[in-house]
């Protein structure tokens, strides 16, 4: 599964924003046709996003599209247009039950055939933004083989809870983030963390991103190019962490060669699960 440390929202109705995003350093773009686009501009935004998808972009940049929800009049046209244009994945908003994902997957299969795309080429990321969606996260995670990730949308979740959006590091939103991580990891999916709304607080962004990493998130939604580098830095292991992981893995390999399945390393008892956790640190360190 591809690395998704940073997923940058780009308003699909703004040509300048789309053009600037071509060279983004983010791992993934989320070209938005939903919340950032007013109803009267949705058809034009769809055309702009489809045109963007047929044009050049930085090598390795994943281009996803947040389509409008399946119950809206724009959904079918969104999916047909962006799949035919070459979208790598769809971000499905307001997912509450597994049937929401299955409905999108059916429409996606039809669009792939119509657009002469390979079956299963377009992946899905499910955005959970309501109490019902969070509580049903384990079932949603198993709804389709196309799913790569569960994504937490804490701004809408805060609204439906009747609370003011105030970050994601405590209270019910923290609980929801934990629930989503457990559901995603149980199904072998990635877990993508919430946006951080204050562009003038890089320290706050970093603190929230590092907490997300400790919780088990594999990436974070971002709303500005300035946050991309912050996300990558937060998910990048320190030199000390990398050095320790290398020493431990080398010691493990030597212990296994000697016939040991558990040993003591620098005062800690080490077995295979501990080693595998350190291997993930080395994998993250290898990302650009």
C-alpha atoms as a PDB file:
ATOM      1  CA  UNK A   1       0.000   0.000   0.000  1.00  0.00           C
ATOM      2  CA  UNK A   2       1.358   3.417  -0.940  1.00  0.00           C
ATOM      3  CA  UNK A   3       2.613   5.864   1.669  1.00  0.00           C
ATOM      4  CA  UNK A   4       0.041   8.482   2.644  1.00  0.00           C
ATOM      5  CA  UNK A   5       1.688  10.657   5.282  1.00  0.00           C
ATOM      6  CA  UNK A   6       0.145  13.870   3.952  1.00  0.00           C
ATOM      7  CA  UNK A   7      -3.154  14.212   2.078  1.00  0.00           C
ATOM      8  CA  UNK A   8      -3.639  17.775   0.868  1.00  0.00           C
ATOM      9  CA  UNK A   9      -7.136  19.167   0.265  1.00  0.00           C
ATOM     10  CA  UNK A  10      -7.407  21.259  -2.912  1.00  0.00           C
ATOM     11  CA  UNK A  11     -10.613  23.103  -3.810  1.00  0.00           C
ATOM     12  CA  UNK A  12     -11.801  21.784  -7.160  1.00  0.00           C
ATOM     13  CA  UNK A  13     -13.425  25.082  -8.093  1.00  0.00           C
ATOM     14  CA  UNK A  14     -10.207  27.128  -7.938  1.00  0.00           C
ATOM     15  CA  UNK A  15      -8.019  26.834 -11.074  1.00  0.00           C
ATOM     16  CA  UNK A  16      -5.049  28.547  -9.413  1.00  0.00           C
ATOM     17  CA  UNK A  17      -5.116  26.138  -6.466  1.00  0.00           C
ATOM     18  CA  UNK A  18      -5.306  23.160  -8.811  1.00  0.00           C
ATOM     19  CA  UNK A  19      -2.391  24.399 -10.886  1.00  0.00           C
ATOM     20  CA  UNK A  20      -0.257  25.006  -7.799  1.00  0.00           C
ATOM     21  CA  UNK A  21      -1.023  21.492  -6.560  1.00  0.00           C
ATOM     22  CA  UNK A  22       0.647  19.847  -9.554  1.00  0.00           C
ATOM     23  CA  UNK A  23       4.041  20.213  -7.897  1.00  0.00           C
ATOM     24  CA  UNK A  24       2.905  19.638  -4.318  1.00  0.00           C
ATOM     25  CA  UNK A  25       5.269  17.730  -2.054  1.00  0.00           C
ATOM     26  CA  UNK A  26       2.291  15.920  -0.488  1.00  0.00           C
ATOM     27  CA  UNK A  27       2.004  12.164  -0.828  1.00  0.00           C
ATOM     28  CA  UNK A  28      -1.613  12.547  -1.947  1.00  0.00           C
ATOM     29  CA  UNK A  29      -3.924  15.258  -3.201  1.00  0.00           C
ATOM     30  CA  UNK A  30      -7.620  15.317  -2.338  1.00  0.00           C
ATOM     31  CA  UNK A  31      -9.230  17.273  -5.170  1.00  0.00           C
ATOM     32  CA  UNK A  32     -12.421  18.406  -3.523  1.00  0.00           C
ATOM     33  CA  UNK A  33     -15.841  18.463  -5.172  1.00  0.00           C
ATOM     34  CA  UNK A  34     -17.791  18.413  -1.906  1.00  0.00           C
ATOM     35  CA  UNK A  35     -17.632  20.799   1.055  1.00  0.00           C
ATOM     36  CA  UNK A  36     -15.378  23.479  -0.439  1.00  0.00           C
ATOM     37  CA  UNK A  37     -17.530  23.838  -3.573  1.00  0.00           C
ATOM     38  CA  UNK A  38     -20.909  25.589  -3.497  1.00  0.00           C
ATOM     39  CA  UNK A  39     -23.810  23.878  -5.323  1.00  0.00           C
ATOM     40  CA  UNK A  40     -23.882  26.321  -8.233  1.00  0.00           C
ATOM     41  CA  UNK A  41     -20.172  25.712  -8.919  1.00  0.00           C
ATOM     42  CA  UNK A  42     -20.139  21.903  -8.673  1.00  0.00           C
ATOM     43  CA  UNK A  43     -20.495  21.163 -12.429  1.00  0.00           C
ATOM     44  CA  UNK A  44     -17.669  23.565 -13.270  1.00  0.00           C
ATOM     45  CA  UNK A  45     -15.491  22.161 -10.485  1.00  0.00           C
ATOM     46  CA  UNK A  46     -16.048  18.647 -11.838  1.00  0.00           C
ATOM     47  CA  UNK A  47     -14.821  19.769 -15.256  1.00  0.00           C
ATOM     48  CA  UNK A  48     -11.801  21.538 -13.777  1.00  0.00           C
ATOM     49  CA  UNK A  49     -10.819  18.493 -11.732  1.00  0.00           C
ATOM     50  CA  UNK A  50     -11.224  16.148 -14.706  1.00  0.00           C
ATOM     51  CA  UNK A  51      -9.021  18.449 -16.786  1.00  0.00           C
ATOM     52  CA  UNK A  52      -6.443  18.502 -14.005  1.00  0.00           C
ATOM     53  CA  UNK A  53      -6.383  14.702 -13.891  1.00  0.00           C
ATOM     54  CA  UNK A  54      -5.642  14.444 -17.611  1.00  0.00           C
ATOM     55  CA  UNK A  55      -2.673  16.828 -17.269  1.00  0.00           C
ATOM     56  CA  UNK A  56       0.859  16.399 -15.890  1.00  0.00           C
ATOM     57  CA  UNK A  57       1.740  16.036 -12.238  1.00  0.00           C
ATOM     58  CA  UNK A  58       4.795  15.249 -10.152  1.00  0.00           C
ATOM     59  CA  UNK A  59       5.885  11.628 -10.436  1.00  0.00           C
ATOM     60  CA  UNK A  60       4.574   9.557  -7.533  1.00  0.00           C
ATOM     61  CA  UNK A  61       1.896  12.042  -6.532  1.00  0.00           C
ATOM     62  CA  UNK A  62      -1.388  10.271  -5.756  1.00  0.00           C
ATOM     63  CA  UNK A  63      -4.410  12.152  -7.103  1.00  0.00           C
ATOM     64  CA  UNK A  64      -7.620  11.363  -5.263  1.00  0.00           C
ATOM     65  CA  UNK A  65     -10.996  13.079  -5.521  1.00  0.00           C
ATOM     66  CA  UNK A  66     -13.481  13.737  -2.751  1.00  0.00           C
ATOM     67  CA  UNK A  67     -16.731  13.214  -4.628  1.00  0.00           C
ATOM     68  CA  UNK A  68     -20.131  14.335  -3.426  1.00  0.00           C
ATOM     69  CA  UNK A  69     -22.063  11.810  -1.285  1.00  0.00           C
ATOM     70  CA  UNK A  70     -23.997   9.052  -3.099  1.00  0.00           C
ATOM     71  CA  UNK A  71     -27.374  10.494  -2.098  1.00  0.00           C
ATOM     72  CA  UNK A  72     -26.695  13.786  -3.897  1.00  0.00           C
ATOM     73  CA  UNK A  73     -27.564  14.568  -7.536  1.00  0.00           C
ATOM     74  CA  UNK A  74     -23.885  15.154  -8.369  1.00  0.00           C
ATOM     75  CA  UNK A  75     -22.462  11.804  -7.283  1.00  0.00           C
ATOM     76  CA  UNK A  76     -22.887   9.711 -10.457  1.00  0.00           C
ATOM     77  CA  UNK A  77     -21.498  12.423 -12.730  1.00  0.00           C
ATOM     78  CA  UNK A  78     -18.588  13.011 -10.340  1.00  0.00           C
ATOM     79  CA  UNK A  79     -17.560   9.368 -10.372  1.00  0.00           C
ATOM     80  CA  UNK A  80     -17.932   8.923 -14.139  1.00  0.00           C
ATOM     81  CA  UNK A  81     -15.916  12.052 -14.920  1.00  0.00           C
ATOM     82  CA  UNK A  82     -12.998  11.608 -12.554  1.00  0.00           C
ATOM     83  CA  UNK A  83     -12.583   7.867 -13.127  1.00  0.00           C
ATOM     84  CA  UNK A  84     -12.485   8.391 -16.892  1.00  0.00           C
ATOM     85  CA  UNK A  85      -9.952  11.197 -16.377  1.00  0.00           C
ATOM     86  CA  UNK A  86      -7.589   8.967 -14.388  1.00  0.00           C
ATOM     87  CA  UNK A  87      -8.208   9.479 -10.641  1.00  0.00           C
ATOM     88  CA  UNK A  88      -6.152   7.119  -8.499  1.00  0.00           C
ATOM     89  CA  UNK A  89      -8.711   6.948  -5.698  1.00  0.00           C
ATOM     90  CA  UNK A  90     -11.976   8.377  -4.427  1.00  0.00           C
ATOM     91  CA  UNK A  91     -12.485   9.845  -0.977  1.00  0.00           C
ATOM     92  CA  UNK A  92     -16.049   9.020   0.047  1.00  0.00           C
ATOM     93  CA  UNK A  93     -17.526  11.592   2.468  1.00  0.00           C
ATOM     94  CA  UNK A  94     -20.121  11.095   5.204  1.00  0.00           C
ATOM     95  CA  UNK A  95     -19.739   7.305   5.335  1.00  0.00           C
ATOM     96  CA  UNK A  96     -22.007   5.947   8.078  1.00  0.00           C
ATOM     97  CA  UNK A  97     -22.690   2.280   7.254  1.00  0.00           C
ATOM     98  CA  UNK A  98     -21.015  -0.420   5.134  1.00  0.00           C
ATOM     99  CA  UNK A  99     -23.753  -0.064   2.506  1.00  0.00           C
ATOM    100  CA  UNK A 100     -22.446   3.438   1.745  1.00  0.00           C
ATOM    101  CA  UNK A 101     -19.076   1.995   0.708  1.00  0.00           C
ATOM    102  CA  UNK A 102     -20.621  -0.871  -1.245  1.00  0.00           C
ATOM    103  CA  UNK A 103     -22.832   1.558  -3.178  1.00  0.00           C
ATOM    104  CA  UNK A 104     -19.809   3.607  -4.203  1.00  0.00           C
ATOM    105  CA  UNK A 105     -17.869   0.463  -5.106  1.00  0.00           C
ATOM    106  CA  UNK A 106     -20.670  -0.628  -7.453  1.00  0.00           C
ATOM    107  CA  UNK A 107     -20.748   2.753  -9.149  1.00  0.00           C
ATOM    108  CA  UNK A 108     -16.982   2.716  -9.369  1.00  0.00           C
ATOM    109  CA  UNK A 109     -16.946  -0.669 -11.097  1.00  0.00           C
ATOM    110  CA  UNK A 110     -19.373   0.629 -13.725  1.00  0.00           C
ATOM    111  CA  UNK A 111     -17.290   3.771 -14.227  1.00  0.00           C
ATOM    112  CA  UNK A 112     -14.108   1.734 -14.657  1.00  0.00           C
ATOM    113  CA  UNK A 113     -15.724  -0.335 -17.389  1.00  0.00           C
ATOM    114  CA  UNK A 114     -17.097   2.753 -19.123  1.00  0.00           C
ATOM    115  CA  UNK A 115     -13.776   4.562 -18.860  1.00  0.00           C
ATOM    116  CA  UNK A 116     -11.766   1.512 -19.943  1.00  0.00           C
ATOM    117  CA  UNK A 117      -9.884   1.391 -16.639  1.00  0.00           C
ATOM    118  CA  UNK A 118      -8.656  -1.880 -15.179  1.00  0.00           C
ATOM    119  CA  UNK A 119     -11.082  -3.471 -12.718  1.00  0.00           C
ATOM    120  CA  UNK A 120     -10.140  -2.442  -9.193  1.00  0.00           C
ATOM    121  CA  UNK A 121      -7.676   0.226 -10.369  1.00  0.00           C
ATOM    122  CA  UNK A 122      -9.364   3.016  -8.427  1.00  0.00           C
ATOM    123  CA  UNK A 123      -9.056   2.725  -4.667  1.00  0.00           C
ATOM    124  CA  UNK A 124     -11.374   4.026  -1.932  1.00  0.00           C
ATOM    125  CA  UNK A 125     -10.771   6.024   1.246  1.00  0.00           C
ATOM    126  CA  UNK A 126     -13.767   6.237   3.584  1.00  0.00           C
ATOM    127  CA  UNK A 127     -14.225   9.526   5.455  1.00  0.00           C
ATOM    128  CA  UNK A 128     -16.015   9.006   8.794  1.00  0.00           C
ATOM    129  CA  UNK A 129     -17.546  12.265  10.018  1.00  0.00           C
ATOM    130  CA  UNK A 130     -20.531  11.333  12.191  1.00  0.00           C
ATOM    131  CA  UNK A 131     -21.078   9.445  15.463  1.00  0.00           C
ATOM    132  CA  UNK A 132     -22.810   6.635  13.566  1.00  0.00           C
ATOM    133  CA  UNK A 133     -19.899   6.316  11.152  1.00  0.00           C
ATOM    134  CA  UNK A 134     -17.337   6.162  13.940  1.00  0.00           C
ATOM    135  CA  UNK A 135     -19.324   3.606  15.915  1.00  0.00           C
ATOM    136  CA  UNK A 136     -19.732   1.432  12.803  1.00  0.00           C
ATOM    137  CA  UNK A 137     -16.092   1.787  11.769  1.00  0.00           C
ATOM    138  CA  UNK A 138     -15.222  -1.933  12.172  1.00  0.00           C
ATOM    139  CA  UNK A 139     -17.990  -2.983   9.792  1.00  0.00           C
ATOM    140  CA  UNK A 140     -17.203  -0.160   7.353  1.00  0.00           C
ATOM    141  CA  UNK A 141     -13.563  -1.234   7.262  1.00  0.00           C
ATOM    142  CA  UNK A 142     -14.576  -4.612   5.877  1.00  0.00           C
ATOM    143  CA  UNK A 143     -17.129  -3.342   3.370  1.00  0.00           C
ATOM    144  CA  UNK A 144     -15.013  -3.523   0.193  1.00  0.00           C
ATOM    145  CA  UNK A 145     -11.724  -4.904  -1.049  1.00  0.00           C
ATOM    146  CA  UNK A 146     -11.181  -1.494  -2.670  1.00  0.00           C
ATOM    147  CA  UNK A 147     -10.781   0.235   0.685  1.00  0.00           C
ATOM    148  CA  UNK A 148      -7.271   1.374   1.493  1.00  0.00           C
ATOM    149  CA  UNK A 149      -7.937   3.641   4.474  1.00  0.00           C
ATOM    150  CA  UNK A 150     -10.339   5.017   7.038  1.00  0.00           C
ATOM    151  CA  UNK A 151     -10.140   8.790   7.492  1.00  0.00           C
ATOM    152  CA  UNK A 152     -11.406  10.792  10.464  1.00  0.00           C
ATOM    153  CA  UNK A 153     -13.312  14.008   9.720  1.00  0.00           C
ATOM    154  CA  UNK A 154     -13.400  15.697  13.096  1.00  0.00           C
ATOM    155  CA  UNK A 155     -14.843  19.075  12.049  1.00  0.00           C
ATOM    156  CA  UNK A 156     -18.145  17.606  10.893  1.00  0.00           C
ATOM    157  CA  UNK A 157     -18.007  15.132  13.761  1.00  0.00           C
ATOM    158  CA  UNK A 158     -17.697  18.021  16.236  1.00  0.00           C
ATOM    159  CA  UNK A 159     -20.702  19.700  14.650  1.00  0.00           C
ATOM    160  CA  UNK A 160     -22.863  16.580  14.870  1.00  0.00           C
ATOM    161  CA  UNK A 161     -21.798  16.139  18.495  1.00  0.00           C
ATOM    162  CA  UNK A 162     -22.923  19.690  19.235  1.00  0.00           C
ATOM    163  CA  UNK A 163     -19.471  20.843  20.306  1.00  0.00           C
ATOM    164  CA  UNK A 164     -17.148  23.527  18.975  1.00  0.00           C
ATOM    165  CA  UNK A 165     -14.221  22.337  16.842  1.00  0.00           C
ATOM    166  CA  UNK A 166     -11.239  22.789  19.099  1.00  0.00           C
ATOM    167  CA  UNK A 167      -8.625  20.345  17.864  1.00  0.00           C
ATOM    168  CA  UNK A 168      -8.535  16.601  18.147  1.00  0.00           C
ATOM    169  CA  UNK A 169      -6.245  15.801  21.066  1.00  0.00           C
ATOM    170  CA  UNK A 170      -8.763  15.233  23.840  1.00  0.00           C
ATOM    171  CA  UNK A 171     -12.329  14.387  24.768  1.00  0.00           C
ATOM    172  CA  UNK A 172     -14.774  12.611  22.491  1.00  0.00           C
ATOM    173  CA  UNK A 173     -12.771  13.425  19.364  1.00  0.00           C
ATOM    174  CA  UNK A 174      -9.703  11.687  20.804  1.00  0.00           C
ATOM    175  CA  UNK A 175     -11.907   8.691  21.597  1.00  0.00           C
ATOM    176  CA  UNK A 176     -13.216   8.691  18.015  1.00  0.00           C
ATOM    177  CA  UNK A 177      -9.688   8.803  16.622  1.00  0.00           C
ATOM    178  CA  UNK A 178      -8.734   5.781  18.727  1.00  0.00           C
ATOM    179  CA  UNK A 179     -11.849   3.909  17.586  1.00  0.00           C
ATOM    180  CA  UNK A 180     -11.026   4.589  13.949  1.00  0.00           C
ATOM    181  CA  UNK A 181      -7.401   3.437  14.301  1.00  0.00           C
ATOM    182  CA  UNK A 182      -8.448   0.165  15.921  1.00  0.00           C
ATOM    183  CA  UNK A 183     -11.025  -0.515  13.215  1.00  0.00           C
ATOM    184  CA  UNK A 184      -8.616   0.306  10.399  1.00  0.00           C
ATOM    185  CA  UNK A 185      -5.726  -1.744  11.734  1.00  0.00           C
ATOM    186  CA  UNK A 186      -7.957  -4.731  12.496  1.00  0.00           C
ATOM    187  CA  UNK A 187      -8.890  -4.780   8.810  1.00  0.00           C
ATOM    188  CA  UNK A 188      -5.345  -4.186   7.545  1.00  0.00           C
ATOM    189  CA  UNK A 189      -6.114  -0.642   6.385  1.00  0.00           C
ATOM    190  CA  UNK A 190      -4.348   2.672   6.809  1.00  0.00           C
ATOM    191  CA  UNK A 191      -5.720   5.235   9.270  1.00  0.00           C
ATOM    192  CA  UNK A 192      -5.609   8.909   8.283  1.00  0.00           C
ATOM    193  CA  UNK A 193      -5.783  11.556  10.996  1.00  0.00           C
ATOM    194  CA  UNK A 194      -7.800  14.775  11.204  1.00  0.00           C
ATOM    195  CA  UNK A 195      -7.083  18.211   9.755  1.00  0.00           C
ATOM    196  CA  UNK A 196      -5.497  20.890  11.918  1.00  0.00           C
ATOM    197  CA  UNK A 197      -7.290  24.150  11.207  1.00  0.00           C
ATOM    198  CA  UNK A 198      -4.878  26.797  12.558  1.00  0.00           C
ATOM    199  CA  UNK A 199      -2.316  27.605   9.863  1.00  0.00           C
ATOM    200  CA  UNK A 200      -0.480  29.971  12.230  1.00  0.00           C
ATOM    201  CA  UNK A 201       0.249  27.292  14.847  1.00  0.00           C
ATOM    202  CA  UNK A 202       2.886  24.910  13.434  1.00  0.00           C
ATOM    203  CA  UNK A 203       3.807  23.715  16.923  1.00  0.00           C
ATOM    204  CA  UNK A 204       0.199  22.749  17.571  1.00  0.00           C
ATOM    205  CA  UNK A 205       0.065  20.892  14.254  1.00  0.00           C
ATOM    206  CA  UNK A 206       3.243  18.992  15.095  1.00  0.00           C
ATOM    207  CA  UNK A 207       1.997  18.044  18.567  1.00  0.00           C
ATOM    208  CA  UNK A 208      -1.263  16.717  17.147  1.00  0.00           C
ATOM    209  CA  UNK A 209       0.485  14.851  14.323  1.00  0.00           C
ATOM    210  CA  UNK A 210       2.946  13.206  16.702  1.00  0.00           C
ATOM    211  CA  UNK A 211       0.115  12.173  18.986  1.00  0.00           C
ATOM    212  CA  UNK A 212      -1.574  10.683  15.918  1.00  0.00           C
ATOM    213  CA  UNK A 213       1.545   8.698  15.106  1.00  0.00           C
ATOM    214  CA  UNK A 214       1.622   7.345  18.668  1.00  0.00           C
ATOM    215  CA  UNK A 215      -2.052   6.370  18.350  1.00  0.00           C
ATOM    216  CA  UNK A 216      -1.325   4.398  15.172  1.00  0.00           C
ATOM    217  CA  UNK A 217      -2.253   6.803  12.374  1.00  0.00           C
ATOM    218  CA  UNK A 218      -0.270   6.409   9.168  1.00  0.00           C
ATOM    219  CA  UNK A 219      -0.877   9.923   7.818  1.00  0.00           C
ATOM    220  CA  UNK A 220      -2.717  13.191   8.279  1.00  0.00           C
ATOM    221  CA  UNK A 221      -5.101  15.402   6.319  1.00  0.00           C
ATOM    222  CA  UNK A 222      -3.600  18.810   5.553  1.00  0.00           C
ATOM    223  CA  UNK A 223      -5.224  21.987   4.277  1.00  0.00           C
ATOM    224  CA  UNK A 224      -2.205  24.000   3.126  1.00  0.00           C
ATOM    225  CA  UNK A 225       1.115  23.215   1.456  1.00  0.00           C
ATOM    226  CA  UNK A 226       2.887  24.627   4.527  1.00  0.00           C
ATOM    227  CA  UNK A 227       1.532  21.729   6.571  1.00  0.00           C
ATOM    228  CA  UNK A 228       2.928  19.079   4.224  1.00  0.00           C
ATOM    229  CA  UNK A 229       6.512  19.422   5.432  1.00  0.00           C
ATOM    230  CA  UNK A 230       5.286  19.498   9.033  1.00  0.00           C
ATOM    231  CA  UNK A 231       3.417  16.227   8.519  1.00  0.00           C
ATOM    232  CA  UNK A 232       6.397  14.513   6.918  1.00  0.00           C
ATOM    233  CA  UNK A 233       8.691  15.693   9.713  1.00  0.00           C
ATOM    234  CA  UNK A 234       6.269  14.475  12.383  1.00  0.00           C
ATOM    235  CA  UNK A 235       6.051  11.018  10.820  1.00  0.00           C
ATOM    236  CA  UNK A 236       9.819  10.790  10.186  1.00  0.00           C
ATOM    237  CA  UNK A 237      11.733   8.932  12.920  1.00  0.00           C
ATOM    238  CA  UNK A 238      14.545  10.754  14.664  1.00  0.00           C
ATOM    239  CA  UNK A 239      18.178   9.813  14.047  1.00  0.00           C
ATOM    240  CA  UNK A 240      18.288   8.265  17.511  1.00  0.00           C
ATOM    241  CA  UNK A 241      15.195   6.151  16.799  1.00  0.00           C
ATOM    242  CA  UNK A 242      16.656   4.947  13.511  1.00  0.00           C
ATOM    243  CA  UNK A 243      20.014   4.110  15.070  1.00  0.00           C
ATOM    244  CA  UNK A 244      18.344   2.152  17.865  1.00  0.00           C
ATOM    245  CA  UNK A 245      16.148   0.267  15.407  1.00  0.00           C
ATOM    246  CA  UNK A 246      19.148  -0.714  13.309  1.00  0.00           C
ATOM    247  CA  UNK A 247      21.065  -1.965  16.335  1.00  0.00           C
ATOM    248  CA  UNK A 248      18.090  -3.928  17.585  1.00  0.00           C
ATOM    249  CA  UNK A 249      17.289  -5.550  14.230  1.00  0.00           C
ATOM    250  CA  UNK A 250      20.926  -6.540  13.762  1.00  0.00           C
ATOM    251  CA  UNK A 251      21.013  -8.041  17.250  1.00  0.00           C
ATOM    252  CA  UNK A 252      17.767  -9.901  16.547  1.00  0.00           C
ATOM    253  CA  UNK A 253      19.128 -11.368  13.338  1.00  0.00           C
ATOM    254  CA  UNK A 254      22.191 -12.575  15.219  1.00  0.00           C
ATOM    255  CA  UNK A 255      20.038 -14.061  18.002  1.00  0.00           C
ATOM    256  CA  UNK A 256      17.819 -15.879  15.516  1.00  0.00           C
ATOM    257  CA  UNK A 257      20.886 -17.248  13.732  1.00  0.00           C
ATOM    258  CA  UNK A 258      22.022 -18.601  17.117  1.00  0.00           C
ATOM    259  CA  UNK A 259      18.651 -20.269  17.651  1.00  0.00           C
ATOM    260  CA  UNK A 260      17.120 -17.792  20.124  1.00  0.00           C
ATOM    261  CA  UNK A 261      13.563 -16.520  19.846  1.00  0.00           C
ATOM    262  CA  UNK A 262      13.874 -14.048  22.698  1.00  0.00           C
ATOM    263  CA  UNK A 263      16.852 -12.192  24.145  1.00  0.00           C
ATOM    264  CA  UNK A 264      17.807  -9.150  26.195  1.00  0.00           C
ATOM    265  CA  UNK A 265      18.971  -6.059  24.326  1.00  0.00           C
ATOM    266  CA  UNK A 266      20.150  -2.946  26.155  1.00  0.00           C
ATOM    267  CA  UNK A 267      18.154  -3.973  29.207  1.00  0.00           C
ATOM    268  CA  UNK A 268      14.905  -4.826  27.353  1.00  0.00           C
ATOM    269  CA  UNK A 269      13.436  -8.250  26.680  1.00  0.00           C
ATOM    270  CA  UNK A 270      13.042  -8.552  22.917  1.00  0.00           C
ATOM    271  CA  UNK A 271      10.869 -10.918  20.894  1.00  0.00           C
ATOM    272  CA  UNK A 272       9.529 -10.845  17.340  1.00  0.00           C
ATOM    273  CA  UNK A 273       6.650  -8.322  17.814  1.00  0.00           C
ATOM    274  CA  UNK A 274       9.088  -5.806  19.282  1.00  0.00           C
ATOM    275  CA  UNK A 275      11.418  -6.295  16.319  1.00  0.00           C
ATOM    276  CA  UNK A 276       8.634  -5.873  13.774  1.00  0.00           C
ATOM    277  CA  UNK A 277       7.671  -2.560  15.387  1.00  0.00           C
ATOM    278  CA  UNK A 278      11.255  -1.376  14.971  1.00  0.00           C
ATOM    279  CA  UNK A 279      11.218  -2.481  11.326  1.00  0.00           C
ATOM    280  CA  UNK A 280       8.292  -0.118  10.709  1.00  0.00           C
ATOM    281  CA  UNK A 281      10.480   2.712  11.999  1.00  0.00           C
ATOM    282  CA  UNK A 282      13.146   1.818   9.449  1.00  0.00           C
ATOM    283  CA  UNK A 283      10.491   1.689   6.721  1.00  0.00           C
ATOM    284  CA  UNK A 284       9.265   5.180   7.632  1.00  0.00           C
ATOM    285  CA  UNK A 285      12.842   6.447   7.703  1.00  0.00           C
ATOM    286  CA  UNK A 286      13.307   5.243   4.113  1.00  0.00           C
ATOM    287  CA  UNK A 287      10.517   7.480   2.775  1.00  0.00           C
ATOM    288  CA  UNK A 288      11.668  10.660   0.974  1.00  0.00           C
END
